[in-house]
Amino acid sequence: MDSRRVPEPEQVEAKEDPSARTRGTRRGRPRRVPSGNGPATETFAATSLRAALDRIGDRWVLLVVDALAAGPLRFGELAERVGAAPNILTDRLRRLEVEGLVVAAPYSDRPVRSEYRLSAGGTELASALVGVAQWGAAREGLPAERFHQACGSGLELRPWCPTCDRIVDSQESPGTYDV
């Protein structure tokens, strides 16, 4: 018998990362992610950003939403624009359909093939990506990716107060409040 036997999972002592925190669950148990903000915690306060990130999942979802923002695409066209492997793209499209962000419209029965487009919720998410793209372009020294068709200026996403009907700067928006 080989002396280099792999220990059973319950025999392996888990080393706890003191700079980790829990985010979501994986297979029924808490998933820990590094934070660097102090000791590990098993629970955390729910925030709107955390809820959005839990729904989005990963970068492939954002790339799919960004690609579909220009209009409906078939699977092959979407795969070329996003660059994801077919199995990953299929999984993310299914996830987006379940979340109600993407609508699949069949254009062929045999074999079943679909054209994908953003739902109203997906269009809202695509609008939010303008700010992320703006941030990334500024950090990389790249021009804006989205432009105003009428004048050609790059789009900017800024906090807006509908009650005051004006842009709000960061000093006027200190944080959150309990509802």
C-alpha atoms as a PDB file:
ATOM      1  CA  MET A   1       0.000   0.000   0.000  1.00  0.00           C
ATOM      2  CA  ASP A   2       1.240   3.482  -0.859  1.00  0.00           C
ATOM      3  CA  SER A   3       2.334   5.549   2.154  1.00  0.00           C
ATOM      4  CA  ARG A   4       1.462   8.780   0.310  1.00  0.00           C
ATOM      5  CA  ARG A   5      -2.231   8.239   0.893  1.00  0.00           C
ATOM      6  CA  VAL A   6      -4.486  11.281   0.457  1.00  0.00           C
ATOM      7  CA  PRO A   7      -6.283  12.001   3.746  1.00  0.00           C
ATOM      8  CA  GLU A   8     -10.052  11.964   3.913  1.00  0.00           C
ATOM      9  CA  PRO A   9     -11.667  15.439   3.862  1.00  0.00           C
ATOM     10  CA  GLU A  10     -12.619  15.266   7.560  1.00  0.00           C
ATOM     11  CA  GLN A  11      -9.002  14.412   8.456  1.00  0.00           C
ATOM     12  CA  VAL A  12      -7.667  17.575   6.845  1.00  0.00           C
ATOM     13  CA  GLU A  13      -7.335  20.400   9.325  1.00  0.00           C
ATOM     14  CA  ALA A  14      -8.662  23.620   7.839  1.00  0.00           C
ATOM     15  CA  LYS A  15      -6.370  26.591   8.206  1.00  0.00           C
ATOM     16  CA  GLU A  16      -8.395  29.699   8.842  1.00  0.00           C
ATOM     17  CA  ASP A  17      -7.351  32.869   7.072  1.00  0.00           C
ATOM     18  CA  PRO A  18      -7.642  35.672   9.651  1.00  0.00           C
ATOM     19  CA  SER A  19      -8.170  38.245   6.874  1.00  0.00           C
ATOM     20  CA  ALA A  20     -11.169  36.495   5.315  1.00  0.00           C
ATOM     21  CA  ARG A  21     -14.886  37.158   5.508  1.00  0.00           C
ATOM     22  CA  THR A  22     -17.963  35.219   4.475  1.00  0.00           C
ATOM     23  CA  ARG A  23     -19.775  35.989   1.224  1.00  0.00           C
ATOM     24  CA  GLY A  24     -22.737  33.927   0.145  1.00  0.00           C
ATOM     25  CA  THR A  25     -22.815  30.192   0.474  1.00  0.00           C
ATOM     26  CA  ARG A  26     -21.373  27.381  -1.535  1.00  0.00           C
ATOM     27  CA  ARG A  27     -22.975  23.965  -1.291  1.00  0.00           C
ATOM     28  CA  GLY A  28     -24.768  24.944   1.909  1.00  0.00           C
ATOM     29  CA  ARG A  29     -21.760  26.271   3.824  1.00  0.00           C
ATOM     30  CA  PRO A  30     -20.389  29.803   4.106  1.00  0.00           C
ATOM     31  CA  ARG A  31     -17.859  30.871   1.507  1.00  0.00           C
ATOM     32  CA  ARG A  32     -14.961  32.952   2.762  1.00  0.00           C
ATOM     33  CA  VAL A  33     -13.272  35.674   0.777  1.00  0.00           C
ATOM     34  CA  PRO A  34     -10.269  37.819   1.726  1.00  0.00           C
ATOM     35  CA  SER A  35     -11.080  41.272   3.020  1.00  0.00           C
ATOM     36  CA  GLY A  36      -8.022  42.791   4.628  1.00  0.00           C
ATOM     37  CA  ASN A  37     -10.381  44.807   6.857  1.00  0.00           C
ATOM     38  CA  GLY A  38      -9.878  42.923  10.090  1.00  0.00           C
ATOM     39  CA  PRO A  39     -10.816  39.577  11.597  1.00  0.00           C
ATOM     40  CA  ALA A  40     -12.916  36.962   9.890  1.00  0.00           C
ATOM     41  CA  THR A  41     -16.671  37.148  10.319  1.00  0.00           C
ATOM     42  CA  GLU A  42     -19.328  34.572   9.602  1.00  0.00           C
ATOM     43  CA  THR A  43     -22.101  37.057   8.895  1.00  0.00           C
ATOM     44  CA  PHE A  44     -22.319  40.565   7.539  1.00  0.00           C
ATOM     45  CA  ALA A  45     -24.923  43.227   6.958  1.00  0.00           C
ATOM     46  CA  ALA A  46     -26.868  42.972   3.721  1.00  0.00           C
ATOM     47  CA  THR A  47     -26.331  45.948   1.436  1.00  0.00           C
ATOM     48  CA  SER A  48     -27.777  46.876  -1.908  1.00  0.00           C
ATOM     49  CA  LEU A  49     -24.336  46.542  -3.513  1.00  0.00           C
ATOM     50  CA  ARG A  50     -23.826  43.070  -2.040  1.00  0.00           C
ATOM     51  CA  ALA A  51     -27.307  42.022  -3.243  1.00  0.00           C
ATOM     52  CA  ALA A  52     -26.505  43.279  -6.746  1.00  0.00           C
ATOM     53  CA  LEU A  53     -23.147  41.488  -6.801  1.00  0.00           C
ATOM     54  CA  ASP A  54     -24.779  38.259  -5.625  1.00  0.00           C
ATOM     55  CA  ARG A  55     -27.205  38.479  -8.561  1.00  0.00           C
ATOM     56  CA  ILE A  56     -24.533  39.390 -11.099  1.00  0.00           C
ATOM     57  CA  GLY A  57     -22.051  36.691 -10.144  1.00  0.00           C
ATOM     58  CA  ASP A  58     -18.914  37.283 -12.189  1.00  0.00           C
ATOM     59  CA  ARG A  59     -17.233  39.155 -15.024  1.00  0.00           C
ATOM     60  CA  TRP A  60     -18.746  36.979 -17.753  1.00  0.00           C
ATOM     61  CA  VAL A  61     -22.234  38.123 -16.795  1.00  0.00           C
ATOM     62  CA  LEU A  62     -21.174  41.762 -17.097  1.00  0.00           C
ATOM     63  CA  LEU A  63     -19.523  41.133 -20.462  1.00  0.00           C
ATOM     64  CA  VAL A  64     -22.667  39.405 -21.762  1.00  0.00           C
ATOM     65  CA  VAL A  65     -24.873  42.293 -20.598  1.00  0.00           C
ATOM     66  CA  ASP A  66     -22.484  44.808 -22.162  1.00  0.00           C
ATOM     67  CA  ALA A  67     -22.482  42.935 -25.483  1.00  0.00           C
ATOM     68  CA  LEU A  68     -26.294  42.716 -25.521  1.00  0.00           C
ATOM     69  CA  ALA A  69     -26.626  46.439 -24.747  1.00  0.00           C
ATOM     70  CA  ALA A  70     -26.004  47.135 -28.447  1.00  0.00           C
ATOM     71  CA  GLY A  71     -28.959  44.945 -29.452  1.00  0.00           C
ATOM     72  CA  PRO A  72     -30.074  41.314 -29.815  1.00  0.00           C
ATOM     73  CA  LEU A  73     -27.417  38.720 -30.690  1.00  0.00           C
ATOM     74  CA  ARG A  74     -27.346  35.043 -31.550  1.00  0.00           C
ATOM     75  CA  PHE A  75     -25.193  32.639 -29.549  1.00  0.00           C
ATOM     76  CA  GLY A  76     -22.283  32.595 -32.024  1.00  0.00           C
ATOM     77  CA  GLU A  77     -22.197  36.386 -32.302  1.00  0.00           C
ATOM     78  CA  LEU A  78     -22.321  36.693 -28.535  1.00  0.00           C
ATOM     79  CA  ALA A  79     -19.511  34.150 -28.097  1.00  0.00           C
ATOM     80  CA  GLU A  80     -17.290  36.156 -30.467  1.00  0.00           C
ATOM     81  CA  ARG A  81     -17.916  39.431 -28.636  1.00  0.00           C
ATOM     82  CA  VAL A  82     -17.585  38.071 -25.107  1.00  0.00           C
ATOM     83  CA  GLY A  83     -14.778  35.560 -25.641  1.00  0.00           C
ATOM     84  CA  ALA A  84     -16.136  32.994 -23.170  1.00  0.00           C
ATOM     85  CA  ALA A  85     -16.034  29.255 -23.758  1.00  0.00           C
ATOM     86  CA  PRO A  86     -19.391  27.868 -24.988  1.00  0.00           C
ATOM     87  CA  ASN A  87     -20.130  26.056 -21.714  1.00  0.00           C
ATOM     88  CA  ILE A  88     -19.474  29.206 -19.670  1.00  0.00           C
ATOM     89  CA  LEU A  89     -21.548  31.376 -22.012  1.00  0.00           C
ATOM     90  CA  THR A  90     -24.442  28.881 -21.904  1.00  0.00           C
ATOM     91  CA  ASP A  91     -24.345  28.822 -18.108  1.00  0.00           C
ATOM     92  CA  ARG A  92     -24.299  32.634 -17.834  1.00  0.00           C
ATOM     93  CA  LEU A  93     -27.129  33.051 -20.341  1.00  0.00           C
ATOM     94  CA  ARG A  94     -29.263  30.585 -18.370  1.00  0.00           C
ATOM     95  CA  ARG A  95     -28.444  32.421 -15.139  1.00  0.00           C
ATOM     96  CA  LEU A  96     -29.367  35.764 -16.735  1.00  0.00           C
ATOM     97  CA  GLU A  97     -32.663  34.304 -17.967  1.00  0.00           C
ATOM     98  CA  VAL A  98     -33.502  33.027 -14.474  1.00  0.00           C
ATOM     99  CA  GLU A  99     -32.686  36.478 -13.027  1.00  0.00           C
ATOM    100  CA  GLY A 100     -34.966  38.058 -15.635  1.00  0.00           C
ATOM    101  CA  LEU A 101     -32.180  40.130 -17.196  1.00  0.00           C
ATOM    102  CA  VAL A 102     -32.061  38.386 -20.599  1.00  0.00           C
ATOM    103  CA  VAL A 103     -34.839  37.091 -22.844  1.00  0.00           C
ATOM    104  CA  ALA A 104     -34.180  34.248 -25.289  1.00  0.00           C
ATOM    105  CA  ALA A 105     -36.317  34.308 -28.436  1.00  0.00           C
ATOM    106  CA  PRO A 106     -36.117  31.095 -30.509  1.00  0.00           C
ATOM    107  CA  TYR A 107     -35.505  31.627 -34.222  1.00  0.00           C
ATOM    108  CA  SER A 108     -35.146  27.937 -35.148  1.00  0.00           C
ATOM    109  CA  ASP A 109     -36.987  24.839 -33.928  1.00  0.00           C
ATOM    110  CA  ARG A 110     -34.634  22.102 -35.184  1.00  0.00           C
ATOM    111  CA  PRO A 111     -32.139  22.485 -33.742  1.00  0.00           C
ATOM    112  CA  VAL A 112     -33.454  24.910 -31.149  1.00  0.00           C
ATOM    113  CA  ARG A 113     -31.535  28.166 -31.512  1.00  0.00           C
ATOM    114  CA  SER A 114     -32.213  31.470 -29.839  1.00  0.00           C
ATOM    115  CA  GLU A 115     -31.501  35.136 -30.188  1.00  0.00           C
ATOM    116  CA  TYR A 116     -30.774  36.888 -26.900  1.00  0.00           C
ATOM    117  CA  ARG A 117     -31.775  40.392 -25.882  1.00  0.00           C
ATOM    118  CA  LEU A 118     -31.841  42.373 -22.656  1.00  0.00           C
ATOM    119  CA  SER A 119     -35.045  42.693 -20.675  1.00  0.00           C
ATOM    120  CA  ALA A 120     -35.945  45.983 -18.970  1.00  0.00           C
ATOM    121  CA  GLY A 121     -33.933  44.914 -15.917  1.00  0.00           C
ATOM    122  CA  GLY A 122     -30.984  43.974 -18.112  1.00  0.00           C
ATOM    123  CA  THR A 123     -31.115  47.381 -19.780  1.00  0.00           C
ATOM    124  CA  GLU A 124     -30.962  49.015 -16.334  1.00  0.00           C
ATOM    125  CA  LEU A 125     -27.896  46.938 -15.484  1.00  0.00           C
ATOM    126  CA  ALA A 126     -26.299  47.880 -18.824  1.00  0.00           C
ATOM    127  CA  SER A 127     -26.829  51.548 -17.959  1.00  0.00           C
ATOM    128  CA  ALA A 128     -25.025  51.022 -14.652  1.00  0.00           C
ATOM    129  CA  LEU A 129     -22.086  49.503 -16.528  1.00  0.00           C
ATOM    130  CA  VAL A 130     -21.466  52.865 -18.200  1.00  0.00           C
ATOM    131  CA  GLY A 131     -19.997  54.096 -14.896  1.00  0.00           C
ATOM    132  CA  VAL A 132     -17.822  50.993 -14.497  1.00  0.00           C
ATOM    133  CA  ALA A 133     -16.555  51.347 -18.074  1.00  0.00           C
ATOM    134  CA  GLN A 134     -15.922  55.064 -17.504  1.00  0.00           C
ATOM    135  CA  TRP A 135     -13.913  54.266 -14.379  1.00  0.00           C
ATOM    136  CA  GLY A 136     -11.875  51.585 -16.180  1.00  0.00           C
ATOM    137  CA  ALA A 137     -11.175  53.829 -19.193  1.00  0.00           C
ATOM    138  CA  ALA A 138      -9.968  56.652 -16.941  1.00  0.00           C
ATOM    139  CA  ARG A 139      -7.599  54.293 -15.061  1.00  0.00           C
ATOM    140  CA  GLU A 140      -6.159  52.892 -18.291  1.00  0.00           C
ATOM    141  CA  GLY A 141      -5.965  56.207 -20.136  1.00  0.00           C
ATOM    142  CA  LEU A 142      -8.469  55.037 -22.745  1.00  0.00           C
ATOM    143  CA  PRO A 143     -11.249  57.056 -24.385  1.00  0.00           C
ATOM    144  CA  ALA A 144     -14.845  56.544 -23.261  1.00  0.00           C
ATOM    145  CA  GLU A 145     -16.615  53.599 -24.889  1.00  0.00           C
ATOM    146  CA  ARG A 146     -20.119  55.100 -24.928  1.00  0.00           C
ATOM    147  CA  PHE A 147     -20.915  58.329 -26.742  1.00  0.00           C
ATOM    148  CA  HIS A 148     -23.867  60.663 -27.066  1.00  0.00           C
ATOM    149  CA  GLN A 149     -24.995  60.207 -30.669  1.00  0.00           C
ATOM    150  CA  ALA A 150     -26.122  63.841 -31.064  1.00  0.00           C
ATOM    151  CA  CYS A 151     -22.835  65.531 -30.081  1.00  0.00           C
ATOM    152  CA  GLY A 152     -20.206  62.770 -29.907  1.00  0.00           C
ATOM    153  CA  SER A 153     -19.237  63.401 -26.253  1.00  0.00           C
ATOM    154  CA  GLY A 154     -18.347  60.476 -24.006  1.00  0.00           C
ATOM    155  CA  LEU A 155     -21.119  59.573 -21.547  1.00  0.00           C
ATOM    156  CA  GLU A 156     -20.657  60.138 -17.829  1.00  0.00           C
ATOM    157  CA  LEU A 157     -22.596  58.578 -15.003  1.00  0.00           C
ATOM    158  CA  ARG A 158     -23.143  60.895 -12.047  1.00  0.00           C
ATOM    159  CA  PRO A 159     -25.255  60.728  -8.879  1.00  0.00           C
ATOM    160  CA  TRP A 160     -28.496  62.625  -9.458  1.00  0.00           C
ATOM    161  CA  CYS A 161     -31.090  63.791  -6.944  1.00  0.00           C
ATOM    162  CA  PRO A 162     -34.517  63.746  -8.609  1.00  0.00           C
ATOM    163  CA  THR A 163     -36.051  65.860  -5.818  1.00  0.00           C
ATOM    164  CA  CYS A 164     -33.483  68.675  -6.100  1.00  0.00           C
ATOM    165  CA  ASP A 165     -33.076  68.108  -9.851  1.00  0.00           C
ATOM    166  CA  ARG A 166     -29.276  68.360  -9.731  1.00  0.00           C
ATOM    167  CA  ILE A 167     -26.014  66.406  -9.576  1.00  0.00           C
ATOM    168  CA  VAL A 168     -24.923  65.445  -6.040  1.00  0.00           C
ATOM    169  CA  ASP A 169     -21.226  65.376  -5.115  1.00  0.00           C
ATOM    170  CA  SER A 170     -19.665  62.852  -2.713  1.00  0.00           C
ATOM    171  CA  GLN A 171     -19.600  65.306   0.240  1.00  0.00           C
ATOM    172  CA  GLU A 172     -23.398  65.641   0.028  1.00  0.00           C
ATOM    173  CA  SER A 173     -23.949  61.887   0.069  1.00  0.00           C
ATOM    174  CA  PRO A 174     -22.300  60.619   3.288  1.00  0.00           C
ATOM    175  CA  GLY A 175     -23.701  57.111   3.333  1.00  0.00           C
ATOM    176  CA  THR A 176     -26.797  55.058   3.884  1.00  0.00           C
ATOM    177  CA  TYR A 177     -29.755  55.171   6.212  1.00  0.00           C
ATOM    178  CA  ASP A 178     -32.055  52.524   7.632  1.00  0.00           C
ATOM    179  CA  VAL A 179     -35.466  52.205   6.042  1.00  0.00           C
END
